[in-house]
Amino acid sequence: MALTKIKTQNLYIKRLNTGSAKPSEIGPHDIDWQSGHTWLNLIQSWEELFDIYNANKAPTEIQSIIAEVKAFMDTGSSQCQALLSYIDEARQGETALREAEAVSSSARKKQIPNDQKWLEIEIANSKVTDGFIYILSNRLMPGIYKIGFTAGNPDRRAREISARHALPQAFQVVQYWRTLDPYIVEQRIHDALSKYSRTGAFFEIHLEAAKDAVQAHLVQPK
């Protein structure tokens, strides 16, 4: 049963890595409920049998085998808890991203009539002649990155975005680059990566591809 459970866990890890399954599609019962056997009751049964049969009095070579099997079970149980924690955090990230998309969509609908306001913001941003392009990541959004610009400190910008989205995990700066005309550079990057766009400057893309797109559009002093 322990071997079956570990094989099941490895199967779901593979599905998550290949994208054939999403965290929102996987529940605790899929991972830790094979024929009603959870790791908790499996290990409890093991310990009861260990006492019933006085396994501690077995010959040394038998106790060595028992210890190996118990270590195998403990490893499987730890892997299970780590997998369940990852799925739970990833599910929170999916929910947060959907909520962010809904808020962004609602805000755009309300602000469409106010073209003048957005024109003023764009003009102000375009006047920034020197700054940084940054890539942010969040553990709750694996494979999704925020690409933006700032005229100030990228780390401070990450904290501001973390506070705005109020996620359980803060955004982290993956990398940043100095460039001239950062707003224009940001817009060109967003256009180049439009097919990967989610919402609010979030992109579902491989990190190296995102870095390549940034580096391809940077403007260096002459």
N, C-alpha and C. Protein backbone atom coordinates (compact mmCIF):
# COMPACT_ATOMS: atom_id res chain seq x y z
N MET A 1 0.83 -1.20 0.00
CA MET A 1 0.00 0.00 0.00
C MET A 1 0.87 1.27 0.00
N ALA A 2 1.95 1.25 0.77
CA ALA A 2 2.85 2.41 0.79
C ALA A 2 3.45 2.64 -0.59
N LEU A 3 3.85 1.56 -1.26
CA LEU A 3 4.42 1.69 -2.60
C LEU A 3 3.38 2.24 -3.58
N THR A 4 2.14 1.77 -3.47
CA THR A 4 1.06 2.25 -4.33
C THR A 4 0.83 3.75 -4.13
N LYS A 5 0.86 4.18 -2.87
CA LYS A 5 0.63 5.59 -2.58
C LYS A 5 1.75 6.45 -3.15
N ILE A 6 2.99 5.99 -3.02
CA ILE A 6 4.12 6.76 -3.55
C ILE A 6 4.05 6.83 -5.08
N LYS A 7 3.67 5.74 -5.73
CA LYS A 7 3.52 5.75 -7.19
C LYS A 7 2.44 6.75 -7.60
N THR A 8 1.35 6.79 -6.84
CA THR A 8 0.28 7.75 -7.14
C THR A 8 0.77 9.18 -7.00
N GLN A 9 1.51 9.45 -5.93
CA GLN A 9 2.05 10.80 -5.72
C GLN A 9 2.98 11.19 -6.86
N ASN A 10 3.85 10.28 -7.26
CA ASN A 10 4.78 10.56 -8.36
C ASN A 10 4.03 10.82 -9.66
N LEU A 11 2.91 10.11 -9.85
CA LEU A 11 2.10 10.32 -11.06
C LEU A 11 1.54 11.74 -11.10
N TYR A 12 1.03 12.20 -9.96
CA TYR A 12 0.46 13.55 -9.92
C TYR A 12 1.54 14.63 -10.03
N ILE A 13 2.72 14.36 -9.47
CA ILE A 13 3.83 15.30 -9.63
C ILE A 13 4.18 15.44 -11.10
N LYS A 14 4.21 14.31 -11.81
CA LYS A 14 4.51 14.33 -13.24
C LYS A 14 3.45 15.12 -14.00
N ARG A 15 2.18 14.89 -13.66
CA ARG A 15 1.09 15.61 -14.34
C ARG A 15 1.17 17.11 -14.10
N LEU A 16 1.52 17.50 -12.88
CA LEU A 16 1.65 18.93 -12.58
C LEU A 16 2.83 19.54 -13.34
N ASN A 17 3.94 18.81 -13.41
CA ASN A 17 5.13 19.31 -14.09
C ASN A 17 4.90 19.47 -15.59
N THR A 18 4.12 18.55 -16.18
CA THR A 18 3.89 18.59 -17.63
C THR A 18 2.70 19.48 -18.00
N GLY A 19 1.94 19.92 -16.99
CA GLY A 19 0.78 20.77 -17.26
C GLY A 19 -0.46 20.00 -17.66
N SER A 20 -0.44 18.67 -17.59
CA SER A 20 -1.62 17.89 -17.97
C SER A 20 -2.68 17.90 -16.86
N ALA A 21 -2.32 18.40 -15.69
CA ALA A 21 -3.28 18.56 -14.60
C ALA A 21 -3.01 19.88 -13.90
N LYS A 22 -4.07 20.54 -13.45
CA LYS A 22 -3.94 21.80 -12.73
C LYS A 22 -4.18 21.56 -11.24
N PRO A 23 -3.55 22.35 -10.38
CA PRO A 23 -3.76 22.19 -8.93
C PRO A 23 -5.23 22.22 -8.54
N SER A 24 -6.01 23.05 -9.23
CA SER A 24 -7.44 23.17 -8.89
C SER A 24 -8.21 21.90 -9.21
N GLU A 25 -7.63 21.01 -10.01
CA GLU A 25 -8.29 19.76 -10.39
C GLU A 25 -7.93 18.59 -9.48
N ILE A 26 -7.01 18.82 -8.53
CA ILE A 26 -6.51 17.75 -7.68
C ILE A 26 -6.87 18.05 -6.22
N GLY A 27 -7.44 17.06 -5.56
CA GLY A 27 -7.80 17.22 -4.16
C GLY A 27 -7.04 16.28 -3.26
N PRO A 28 -7.12 16.47 -1.94
CA PRO A 28 -6.42 15.60 -0.99
C PRO A 28 -6.76 14.12 -1.16
N HIS A 29 -8.03 13.83 -1.52
CA HIS A 29 -8.42 12.43 -1.69
C HIS A 29 -7.68 11.77 -2.86
N ASP A 30 -7.33 12.56 -3.87
CA ASP A 30 -6.58 11.99 -5.00
C ASP A 30 -5.19 11.58 -4.57
N ILE A 31 -4.62 12.33 -3.65
CA ILE A 31 -3.23 12.11 -3.23
C ILE A 31 -3.12 11.15 -2.06
N ASP A 32 -4.03 11.26 -1.08
CA ASP A 32 -3.84 10.54 0.19
C ASP A 32 -5.10 9.79 0.63
N TRP A 33 -5.70 9.02 -0.29
CA TRP A 33 -6.92 8.29 0.09
C TRP A 33 -7.07 7.03 -0.75
N GLN A 34 -6.01 6.27 -0.94
CA GLN A 34 -6.09 5.05 -1.73
C GLN A 34 -6.81 3.97 -0.93
N SER A 35 -8.04 3.63 -1.37
CA SER A 35 -8.86 2.61 -0.69
C SER A 35 -9.05 2.95 0.79
N GLY A 36 -9.10 4.23 1.12
CA GLY A 36 -9.31 4.65 2.50
C GLY A 36 -8.06 4.65 3.34
N HIS A 37 -6.92 4.32 2.75
CA HIS A 37 -5.67 4.27 3.51
C HIS A 37 -4.93 5.59 3.39
N THR A 38 -5.00 6.41 4.43
CA THR A 38 -4.18 7.62 4.46
C THR A 38 -2.83 7.26 5.06
N TRP A 39 -1.85 8.16 4.86
CA TRP A 39 -0.53 7.90 5.46
C TRP A 39 -0.65 7.81 6.97
N LEU A 40 -1.53 8.63 7.56
CA LEU A 40 -1.65 8.64 9.01
C LEU A 40 -2.10 7.28 9.54
N ASN A 41 -3.20 6.73 8.97
CA ASN A 41 -3.66 5.45 9.52
C ASN A 41 -2.75 4.30 9.11
N LEU A 42 -2.04 4.46 7.96
CA LEU A 42 -1.11 3.42 7.54
C LEU A 42 0.07 3.32 8.53
N ILE A 43 0.61 4.48 8.92
CA ILE A 43 1.73 4.50 9.86
C ILE A 43 1.27 4.08 11.26
N GLN A 44 0.04 4.47 11.64
CA GLN A 44 -0.48 4.04 12.94
C GLN A 44 -0.63 2.52 12.98
N SER A 45 -1.13 1.93 11.90
CA SER A 45 -1.27 0.47 11.83
C SER A 45 0.10 -0.20 11.94
N TRP A 46 1.08 0.40 11.25
CA TRP A 46 2.46 -0.12 11.32
C TRP A 46 2.96 -0.14 12.76
N GLU A 47 2.77 0.95 13.47
CA GLU A 47 3.26 1.04 14.84
C GLU A 47 2.55 0.06 15.75
N GLU A 48 1.24 -0.15 15.53
CA GLU A 48 0.49 -1.12 16.34
C GLU A 48 1.02 -2.54 16.10
N LEU A 49 1.25 -2.88 14.83
CA LEU A 49 1.77 -4.21 14.51
C LEU A 49 3.19 -4.39 15.07
N PHE A 50 3.97 -3.34 15.03
CA PHE A 50 5.34 -3.39 15.57
C PHE A 50 5.30 -3.79 17.05
N ASP A 51 4.34 -3.19 17.80
CA ASP A 51 4.23 -3.50 19.23
C ASP A 51 3.62 -4.89 19.45
N ILE A 52 2.58 -5.22 18.68
CA ILE A 52 1.91 -6.51 18.86
C ILE A 52 2.87 -7.68 18.68
N TYR A 53 3.72 -7.57 17.66
CA TYR A 53 4.63 -8.68 17.35
C TYR A 53 6.01 -8.53 18.00
N ASN A 54 6.13 -7.55 18.92
CA ASN A 54 7.42 -7.35 19.62
C ASN A 54 8.60 -7.29 18.64
N ALA A 55 8.42 -6.48 17.59
CA ALA A 55 9.44 -6.41 16.55
C ALA A 55 10.78 -5.91 17.07
N ASN A 56 10.74 -5.21 18.20
CA ASN A 56 12.01 -4.71 18.75
C ASN A 56 12.88 -5.83 19.29
N LYS A 57 12.29 -7.04 19.39
CA LYS A 57 13.06 -8.18 19.87
C LYS A 57 13.53 -9.07 18.72
N ALA A 58 13.24 -8.66 17.51
CA ALA A 58 13.66 -9.44 16.34
C ALA A 58 15.17 -9.39 16.18
N PRO A 59 15.74 -10.37 15.45
CA PRO A 59 17.19 -10.35 15.19
C PRO A 59 17.61 -9.04 14.51
N THR A 60 18.87 -8.70 14.66
CA THR A 60 19.38 -7.42 14.15
C THR A 60 19.11 -7.24 12.67
N GLU A 61 19.33 -8.31 11.87
CA GLU A 61 19.14 -8.17 10.41
C GLU A 61 17.67 -7.91 10.07
N ILE A 62 16.76 -8.49 10.86
CA ILE A 62 15.33 -8.24 10.62
C ILE A 62 14.97 -6.81 11.00
N GLN A 63 15.50 -6.36 12.14
CA GLN A 63 15.24 -4.99 12.56
C GLN A 63 15.78 -3.99 11.55
N SER A 64 16.89 -4.32 10.88
CA SER A 64 17.45 -3.45 9.85
C SER A 64 16.50 -3.32 8.68
N ILE A 65 15.90 -4.44 8.28
CA ILE A 65 14.93 -4.41 7.17
C ILE A 65 13.69 -3.61 7.58
N ILE A 66 13.21 -3.84 8.82
CA ILE A 66 12.05 -3.10 9.31
C ILE A 66 12.32 -1.60 9.30
N ALA A 67 13.52 -1.21 9.71
CA ALA A 67 13.89 0.22 9.74
C ALA A 67 13.90 0.82 8.34
N GLU A 68 14.38 0.03 7.37
CA GLU A 68 14.41 0.52 5.99
C GLU A 68 13.00 0.75 5.46
N VAL A 69 12.11 -0.21 5.76
CA VAL A 69 10.72 -0.06 5.30
C VAL A 69 10.05 1.13 5.98
N LYS A 70 10.30 1.30 7.27
CA LYS A 70 9.72 2.45 7.99
C LYS A 70 10.25 3.76 7.43
N ALA A 71 11.54 3.82 7.11
CA ALA A 71 12.11 5.03 6.52
C ALA A 71 11.47 5.31 5.15
N PHE A 72 11.20 4.24 4.40
CA PHE A 72 10.53 4.36 3.10
C PHE A 72 9.14 4.98 3.27
N MET A 73 8.40 4.51 4.29
CA MET A 73 7.07 5.04 4.56
C MET A 73 7.12 6.50 5.03
N ASP A 74 8.09 6.80 5.89
CA ASP A 74 8.21 8.18 6.38
C ASP A 74 8.53 9.15 5.24
N THR A 75 9.38 8.70 4.32
CA THR A 75 9.71 9.54 3.15
C THR A 75 8.48 9.77 2.30
N GLY A 76 7.70 8.70 2.08
CA GLY A 76 6.47 8.83 1.29
C GLY A 76 5.49 9.78 1.95
N SER A 77 5.36 9.68 3.27
CA SER A 77 4.44 10.56 4.00
C SER A 77 4.89 12.01 3.91
N SER A 78 6.20 12.26 4.04
CA SER A 78 6.72 13.63 3.94
C SER A 78 6.51 14.19 2.54
N GLN A 79 6.74 13.34 1.52
CA GLN A 79 6.51 13.78 0.14
C GLN A 79 5.04 14.14 -0.06
N CYS A 80 4.16 13.34 0.53
CA CYS A 80 2.72 13.60 0.41
C CYS A 80 2.37 14.97 1.00
N GLN A 81 2.87 15.27 2.20
CA GLN A 81 2.57 16.55 2.84
C GLN A 81 3.12 17.72 2.03
N ALA A 82 4.32 17.55 1.48
CA ALA A 82 4.90 18.62 0.65
C ALA A 82 4.07 18.84 -0.60
N LEU A 83 3.60 17.74 -1.21
CA LEU A 83 2.79 17.84 -2.43
C LEU A 83 1.45 18.51 -2.12
N LEU A 84 0.81 18.12 -1.02
CA LEU A 84 -0.47 18.72 -0.65
C LEU A 84 -0.30 20.22 -0.35
N SER A 85 0.80 20.59 0.30
CA SER A 85 1.06 22.01 0.59
C SER A 85 1.26 22.80 -0.69
N TYR A 86 2.01 22.21 -1.64
CA TYR A 86 2.24 22.87 -2.92
C TYR A 86 0.92 23.08 -3.66
N ILE A 87 0.08 22.03 -3.70
CA ILE A 87 -1.21 22.12 -4.40
C ILE A 87 -2.09 23.18 -3.76
N ASP A 88 -2.09 23.23 -2.42
CA ASP A 88 -2.92 24.22 -1.72
C ASP A 88 -2.44 25.63 -2.03
N GLU A 89 -1.13 25.86 -2.00
CA GLU A 89 -0.60 27.19 -2.30
C GLU A 89 -0.85 27.57 -3.76
N ALA A 90 -0.67 26.61 -4.67
CA ALA A 90 -0.89 26.88 -6.09
C ALA A 90 -2.37 27.18 -6.35
N ARG A 91 -3.26 26.47 -5.64
CA ARG A 91 -4.69 26.72 -5.80
C ARG A 91 -5.04 28.14 -5.32
N GLN A 92 -4.41 28.56 -4.22
CA GLN A 92 -4.62 29.93 -3.74
C GLN A 92 -4.15 30.94 -4.79
N GLY A 93 -3.02 30.62 -5.43
CA GLY A 93 -2.49 31.50 -6.47
C GLY A 93 -3.43 31.59 -7.65
N GLU A 94 -4.00 30.45 -8.07
CA GLU A 94 -4.95 30.46 -9.19
C GLU A 94 -6.17 31.31 -8.83
N THR A 95 -6.66 31.16 -7.59
CA THR A 95 -7.82 31.94 -7.15
C THR A 95 -7.49 33.43 -7.14
N ALA A 96 -6.31 33.76 -6.61
CA ALA A 96 -5.91 35.17 -6.53
C ALA A 96 -5.77 35.78 -7.92
N LEU A 97 -5.24 34.99 -8.87
CA LEU A 97 -5.06 35.51 -10.22
C LEU A 97 -6.42 35.74 -10.88
N ARG A 98 -7.36 34.80 -10.67
CA ARG A 98 -8.71 34.99 -11.23
C ARG A 98 -9.36 36.23 -10.65
N GLU A 99 -9.17 36.43 -9.33
CA GLU A 99 -9.75 37.62 -8.70
C GLU A 99 -9.11 38.89 -9.25
N ALA A 100 -7.78 38.84 -9.45
CA ALA A 100 -7.08 40.00 -10.01
C ALA A 100 -7.58 40.30 -11.42
N GLU A 101 -7.81 39.24 -12.21
CA GLU A 101 -8.31 39.43 -13.57
C GLU A 101 -9.70 40.05 -13.55
N ALA A 102 -10.55 39.59 -12.59
CA ALA A 102 -11.91 40.12 -12.50
C ALA A 102 -11.90 41.59 -12.11
N VAL A 103 -11.04 41.92 -11.12
CA VAL A 103 -10.92 43.32 -10.68
C VAL A 103 -10.40 44.19 -11.81
N SER A 104 -9.39 43.68 -12.52
CA SER A 104 -8.80 44.45 -13.62
C SER A 104 -9.82 44.68 -14.73
N SER A 105 -10.60 43.62 -15.03
CA SER A 105 -11.62 43.74 -16.08
C SER A 105 -12.69 44.75 -15.68
N SER A 106 -13.11 44.68 -14.41
CA SER A 106 -14.12 45.61 -13.92
C SER A 106 -13.60 47.05 -13.95
N ALA A 107 -12.33 47.20 -13.55
CA ALA A 107 -11.74 48.55 -13.54
C ALA A 107 -11.65 49.12 -14.95
N ARG A 108 -11.28 48.25 -15.91
CA ARG A 108 -11.17 48.73 -17.30
C ARG A 108 -12.53 49.19 -17.82
N LYS A 109 -13.59 48.44 -17.47
CA LYS A 109 -14.93 48.82 -17.94
C LYS A 109 -15.35 50.17 -17.38
N LYS A 110 -14.97 50.41 -16.10
CA LYS A 110 -15.34 51.68 -15.48
C LYS A 110 -14.51 52.84 -16.02
N GLN A 111 -13.30 52.56 -16.45
CA GLN A 111 -12.37 53.62 -16.81
C GLN A 111 -12.32 53.91 -18.30
N ILE A 112 -12.98 53.07 -19.10
CA ILE A 112 -12.94 53.29 -20.55
C ILE A 112 -13.42 54.68 -20.94
N PRO A 113 -14.52 55.18 -20.32
CA PRO A 113 -14.96 56.53 -20.70
C PRO A 113 -13.94 57.61 -20.34
N ASN A 114 -13.09 57.34 -19.38
CA ASN A 114 -12.16 58.36 -18.90
C ASN A 114 -10.84 58.28 -19.67
N ASP A 115 -10.92 58.43 -20.99
CA ASP A 115 -9.73 58.32 -21.83
C ASP A 115 -8.69 59.38 -21.47
N GLN A 116 -9.14 60.55 -21.08
CA GLN A 116 -8.23 61.64 -20.79
C GLN A 116 -7.30 61.29 -19.63
N LYS A 117 -7.88 60.60 -18.60
CA LYS A 117 -7.07 60.22 -17.44
C LYS A 117 -5.94 59.30 -17.86
N TRP A 118 -6.26 58.29 -18.69
CA TRP A 118 -5.23 57.34 -19.12
C TRP A 118 -4.21 58.00 -20.04
N LEU A 119 -4.66 58.97 -20.82
CA LEU A 119 -3.73 59.70 -21.67
C LEU A 119 -2.74 60.48 -20.82
N GLU A 120 -3.22 61.09 -19.74
CA GLU A 120 -2.34 61.83 -18.84
C GLU A 120 -1.33 60.91 -18.17
N ILE A 121 -1.79 59.70 -17.74
CA ILE A 121 -0.88 58.73 -17.12
C ILE A 121 0.19 58.30 -18.11
N GLU A 122 -0.23 58.04 -19.34
CA GLU A 122 0.73 57.59 -20.35
C GLU A 122 1.75 58.67 -20.65
N ILE A 123 1.31 59.90 -20.72
CA ILE A 123 2.23 61.01 -20.98
C ILE A 123 3.24 61.12 -19.83
N ALA A 124 2.74 61.01 -18.59
CA ALA A 124 3.63 61.10 -17.42
C ALA A 124 4.65 59.97 -17.44
N ASN A 125 4.19 58.75 -17.74
CA ASN A 125 5.11 57.61 -17.78
C ASN A 125 6.16 57.76 -18.88
N SER A 126 5.73 58.28 -20.02
CA SER A 126 6.65 58.40 -21.15
C SER A 126 7.74 59.45 -20.90
N LYS A 127 7.53 60.28 -19.91
CA LYS A 127 8.53 61.30 -19.59
C LYS A 127 9.66 60.74 -18.72
N VAL A 128 9.50 59.52 -18.22
CA VAL A 128 10.57 58.89 -17.42
C VAL A 128 11.67 58.46 -18.38
N THR A 129 12.83 59.08 -18.30
CA THR A 129 13.89 58.84 -19.28
C THR A 129 14.88 57.76 -18.84
N ASP A 130 14.87 57.41 -17.55
CA ASP A 130 15.84 56.43 -17.06
C ASP A 130 15.18 55.63 -15.94
N GLY A 131 15.34 54.31 -15.96
CA GLY A 131 14.71 53.50 -14.92
C GLY A 131 15.06 52.04 -15.08
N PHE A 132 14.16 51.17 -14.61
CA PHE A 132 14.43 49.74 -14.59
C PHE A 132 13.24 48.95 -15.15
N ILE A 133 13.57 47.88 -15.85
CA ILE A 133 12.60 46.86 -16.20
C ILE A 133 12.82 45.71 -15.22
N TYR A 134 11.72 45.19 -14.65
CA TYR A 134 11.88 44.12 -13.66
C TYR A 134 10.98 42.92 -14.01
N ILE A 135 11.37 41.78 -13.50
CA ILE A 135 10.54 40.57 -13.57
C ILE A 135 10.30 40.13 -12.13
N LEU A 136 9.02 39.96 -11.77
CA LEU A 136 8.66 39.51 -10.44
C LEU A 136 8.04 38.11 -10.50
N SER A 137 8.25 37.34 -9.46
CA SER A 137 7.62 36.02 -9.34
C SER A 137 6.93 35.91 -8.00
N ASN A 138 6.03 34.93 -7.91
CA ASN A 138 5.35 34.65 -6.65
C ASN A 138 5.15 33.15 -6.54
N ARG A 139 5.49 32.57 -5.39
CA ARG A 139 5.38 31.12 -5.21
C ARG A 139 3.97 30.61 -5.48
N LEU A 140 2.96 31.47 -5.29
CA LEU A 140 1.58 31.05 -5.50
C LEU A 140 1.20 31.03 -6.98
N MET A 141 2.08 31.54 -7.84
CA MET A 141 1.79 31.60 -9.28
C MET A 141 2.95 30.98 -10.05
N PRO A 142 3.18 29.69 -9.92
CA PRO A 142 4.30 29.07 -10.64
C PRO A 142 4.15 29.21 -12.15
N GLY A 143 5.22 29.62 -12.81
CA GLY A 143 5.19 29.77 -14.26
C GLY A 143 4.58 31.07 -14.74
N ILE A 144 4.20 31.95 -13.82
CA ILE A 144 3.60 33.24 -14.18
C ILE A 144 4.47 34.36 -13.61
N TYR A 145 4.79 35.34 -14.45
CA TYR A 145 5.69 36.42 -14.03
C TYR A 145 5.08 37.78 -14.35
N LYS A 146 5.38 38.74 -13.50
CA LYS A 146 4.95 40.12 -13.76
C LYS A 146 6.14 40.88 -14.31
N ILE A 147 5.94 41.56 -15.44
CA ILE A 147 7.00 42.33 -16.08
C ILE A 147 6.56 43.79 -16.12
N GLY A 148 7.36 44.65 -15.53
CA GLY A 148 6.97 46.05 -15.50
C GLY A 148 8.18 46.97 -15.45
N PHE A 149 7.92 48.26 -15.21
CA PHE A 149 9.01 49.21 -15.13
C PHE A 149 8.84 50.07 -13.88
N THR A 150 9.92 50.65 -13.42
CA THR A 150 9.89 51.60 -12.32
C THR A 150 11.04 52.57 -12.49
N ALA A 151 10.81 53.77 -12.03
CA ALA A 151 11.89 54.77 -12.06
C ALA A 151 12.72 54.70 -10.79
N GLY A 152 12.22 53.91 -9.80
CA GLY A 152 12.92 53.83 -8.53
C GLY A 152 13.48 52.45 -8.26
N ASN A 153 13.40 52.04 -6.99
CA ASN A 153 13.99 50.78 -6.54
C ASN A 153 13.08 49.60 -6.89
N PRO A 154 13.54 48.61 -7.66
CA PRO A 154 12.70 47.45 -8.01
C PRO A 154 12.22 46.66 -6.79
N ASP A 155 13.05 46.56 -5.74
CA ASP A 155 12.64 45.85 -4.53
C ASP A 155 11.47 46.56 -3.85
N ARG A 156 11.54 47.89 -3.81
CA ARG A 156 10.44 48.65 -3.22
C ARG A 156 9.18 48.48 -4.06
N ARG A 157 9.35 48.46 -5.38
CA ARG A 157 8.20 48.26 -6.26
C ARG A 157 7.56 46.89 -6.01
N ALA A 158 8.38 45.86 -5.76
CA ALA A 158 7.86 44.52 -5.47
C ALA A 158 7.03 44.54 -4.19
N ARG A 159 7.51 45.29 -3.19
CA ARG A 159 6.76 45.38 -1.93
C ARG A 159 5.43 46.10 -2.14
N GLU A 160 5.43 47.13 -2.97
CA GLU A 160 4.19 47.87 -3.25
C GLU A 160 3.17 46.96 -3.92
N ILE A 161 3.63 46.17 -4.89
CA ILE A 161 2.73 45.27 -5.61
C ILE A 161 2.22 44.17 -4.68
N SER A 162 3.09 43.67 -3.80
CA SER A 162 2.67 42.66 -2.83
C SER A 162 1.57 43.20 -1.93
N ALA A 163 1.74 44.44 -1.48
CA ALA A 163 0.74 45.06 -0.61
C ALA A 163 -0.58 45.27 -1.35
N ARG A 164 -0.50 45.63 -2.63
CA ARG A 164 -1.71 45.88 -3.41
C ARG A 164 -2.52 44.60 -3.61
N HIS A 165 -1.83 43.49 -3.93
CA HIS A 165 -2.53 42.23 -4.20
C HIS A 165 -2.87 41.46 -2.94
N ALA A 166 -2.18 41.75 -1.83
CA ALA A 166 -2.48 41.15 -0.53
C ALA A 166 -2.50 39.62 -0.58
N LEU A 167 -1.50 39.02 -1.24
CA LEU A 167 -1.40 37.56 -1.30
C LEU A 167 -0.66 37.02 -0.07
N PRO A 168 -0.88 35.75 0.27
CA PRO A 168 -0.16 35.17 1.41
C PRO A 168 1.35 35.15 1.22
N GLN A 169 1.80 35.10 -0.04
CA GLN A 169 3.23 35.12 -0.34
C GLN A 169 3.57 36.42 -1.07
N ALA A 170 4.68 37.03 -0.69
CA ALA A 170 5.08 38.30 -1.32
C ALA A 170 5.73 38.05 -2.68
N PHE A 171 5.67 39.06 -3.55
CA PHE A 171 6.36 39.00 -4.83
C PHE A 171 7.86 39.19 -4.60
N GLN A 172 8.66 38.49 -5.39
CA GLN A 172 10.11 38.58 -5.31
C GLN A 172 10.67 39.07 -6.64
N VAL A 173 11.73 39.88 -6.58
CA VAL A 173 12.39 40.34 -7.80
C VAL A 173 13.26 39.20 -8.33
N VAL A 174 12.94 38.72 -9.53
CA VAL A 174 13.75 37.67 -10.16
C VAL A 174 15.01 38.29 -10.74
N GLN A 175 14.81 39.40 -11.47
CA GLN A 175 15.93 40.10 -12.10
C GLN A 175 15.45 41.48 -12.54
N TYR A 176 16.38 42.43 -12.64
CA TYR A 176 16.02 43.74 -13.17
C TYR A 176 17.16 44.26 -14.03
N TRP A 177 16.81 45.17 -14.95
CA TRP A 177 17.77 45.73 -15.90
C TRP A 177 17.58 47.25 -15.95
N ARG A 178 18.66 47.98 -16.03
CA ARG A 178 18.57 49.43 -16.21
C ARG A 178 18.41 49.72 -17.69
N THR A 179 17.61 50.72 -18.02
CA THR A 179 17.37 51.07 -19.42
C THR A 179 16.95 52.53 -19.54
N LEU A 180 17.17 53.08 -20.71
CA LEU A 180 16.58 54.38 -21.03
C LEU A 180 15.13 54.16 -21.45
N ASP A 181 14.31 55.19 -21.32
CA ASP A 181 12.90 55.15 -21.73
C ASP A 181 12.20 53.88 -21.24
N PRO A 182 12.20 53.60 -19.93
CA PRO A 182 11.68 52.32 -19.42
C PRO A 182 10.21 52.05 -19.75
N TYR A 183 9.39 53.12 -19.78
CA TYR A 183 7.97 52.90 -20.07
C TYR A 183 7.79 52.41 -21.50
N ILE A 184 8.48 53.05 -22.44
CA ILE A 184 8.37 52.63 -23.85
C ILE A 184 8.92 51.22 -24.02
N VAL A 185 10.04 50.93 -23.35
CA VAL A 185 10.62 49.59 -23.41
C VAL A 185 9.64 48.56 -22.86
N GLU A 186 9.00 48.89 -21.73
CA GLU A 186 8.02 47.98 -21.13
C GLU A 186 6.88 47.68 -22.11
N GLN A 187 6.37 48.72 -22.77
CA GLN A 187 5.26 48.53 -23.71
C GLN A 187 5.67 47.65 -24.89
N ARG A 188 6.89 47.81 -25.36
CA ARG A 188 7.38 46.98 -26.46
C ARG A 188 7.51 45.52 -26.02
N ILE A 189 7.97 45.31 -24.79
CA ILE A 189 8.08 43.94 -24.26
C ILE A 189 6.69 43.32 -24.14
N HIS A 190 5.75 44.07 -23.61
CA HIS A 190 4.39 43.56 -23.47
C HIS A 190 3.79 43.19 -24.83
N ASP A 191 4.05 44.02 -25.83
CA ASP A 191 3.55 43.71 -27.18
C ASP A 191 4.19 42.43 -27.72
N ALA A 192 5.50 42.29 -27.48
CA ALA A 192 6.21 41.11 -27.98
C ALA A 192 5.72 39.82 -27.31
N LEU A 193 5.27 39.95 -26.08
CA LEU A 193 4.83 38.77 -25.31
C LEU A 193 3.31 38.68 -25.19
N SER A 194 2.60 39.37 -26.06
CA SER A 194 1.14 39.46 -25.94
C SER A 194 0.44 38.09 -25.93
N LYS A 195 1.00 37.12 -26.65
CA LYS A 195 0.35 35.80 -26.70
C LYS A 195 0.47 35.04 -25.37
N TYR A 196 1.37 35.51 -24.49
CA TYR A 196 1.52 34.89 -23.18
C TYR A 196 0.81 35.68 -22.08
N SER A 197 0.17 36.78 -22.46
CA SER A 197 -0.39 37.71 -21.48
C SER A 197 -1.58 37.10 -20.73
N ARG A 198 -1.61 37.36 -19.41
CA ARG A 198 -2.76 36.98 -18.60
C ARG A 198 -3.57 38.24 -18.29
N THR A 199 -3.11 39.06 -17.39
CA THR A 199 -3.74 40.34 -17.09
C THR A 199 -2.80 41.16 -16.23
N GLY A 200 -2.97 42.48 -16.24
CA GLY A 200 -2.18 43.32 -15.35
C GLY A 200 -0.69 43.13 -15.45
N ALA A 201 -0.16 42.96 -16.67
CA ALA A 201 1.28 42.76 -16.91
C ALA A 201 1.79 41.43 -16.38
N PHE A 202 0.88 40.45 -16.21
CA PHE A 202 1.28 39.09 -15.85
C PHE A 202 1.38 38.25 -17.12
N PHE A 203 2.41 37.40 -17.18
CA PHE A 203 2.64 36.57 -18.36
C PHE A 203 2.91 35.13 -17.94
N GLU A 204 2.23 34.20 -18.60
CA GLU A 204 2.47 32.77 -18.35
C GLU A 204 3.49 32.31 -19.38
N ILE A 205 4.74 32.23 -18.96
CA ILE A 205 5.84 32.05 -19.91
C ILE A 205 7.03 31.44 -19.18
N HIS A 206 7.90 30.76 -19.93
CA HIS A 206 9.14 30.26 -19.34
C HIS A 206 10.02 31.46 -18.97
N LEU A 207 10.68 31.37 -17.83
CA LEU A 207 11.46 32.49 -17.33
C LEU A 207 12.54 32.92 -18.31
N GLU A 208 13.26 31.98 -18.91
CA GLU A 208 14.34 32.35 -19.82
C GLU A 208 13.79 33.08 -21.05
N ALA A 209 12.61 32.68 -21.51
CA ALA A 209 12.00 33.37 -22.66
C ALA A 209 11.64 34.80 -22.28
N ALA A 210 11.16 34.99 -21.05
CA ALA A 210 10.84 36.34 -20.58
C ALA A 210 12.10 37.20 -20.50
N LYS A 211 13.17 36.64 -19.97
CA LYS A 211 14.44 37.37 -19.89
C LYS A 211 14.94 37.75 -21.28
N ASP A 212 14.85 36.82 -22.22
CA ASP A 212 15.31 37.11 -23.59
C ASP A 212 14.53 38.27 -24.19
N ALA A 213 13.21 38.29 -23.95
CA ALA A 213 12.37 39.36 -24.50
C ALA A 213 12.77 40.70 -23.90
N VAL A 214 13.04 40.72 -22.61
CA VAL A 214 13.46 41.97 -21.96
C VAL A 214 14.77 42.46 -22.55
N GLN A 215 15.76 41.58 -22.61
CA GLN A 215 17.08 41.97 -23.08
C GLN A 215 17.06 42.43 -24.54
N ALA A 216 16.11 41.90 -25.31
CA ALA A 216 16.03 42.26 -26.72
C ALA A 216 15.52 43.68 -26.93
N HIS A 217 14.88 44.27 -25.90
CA HIS A 217 14.25 45.59 -26.07
C HIS A 217 14.89 46.69 -25.24
N LEU A 218 15.89 46.36 -24.45
CA LEU A 218 16.52 47.38 -23.61
C LEU A 218 17.18 48.47 -24.48
N VAL A 219 17.18 49.69 -23.97
CA VAL A 219 17.81 50.81 -24.67
C VAL A 219 18.98 51.29 -23.81
N GLN A 220 20.17 51.12 -24.31
CA GLN A 220 21.37 51.51 -23.58
C GLN A 220 21.85 52.89 -24.03
N PRO A 221 22.50 53.62 -23.11
CA PRO A 221 23.02 54.94 -23.49
C PRO A 221 24.03 54.81 -24.66
N LYS A 222 24.01 55.78 -25.53
CA LYS A 222 24.96 55.75 -26.67
C LYS A 222 26.29 56.35 -26.25
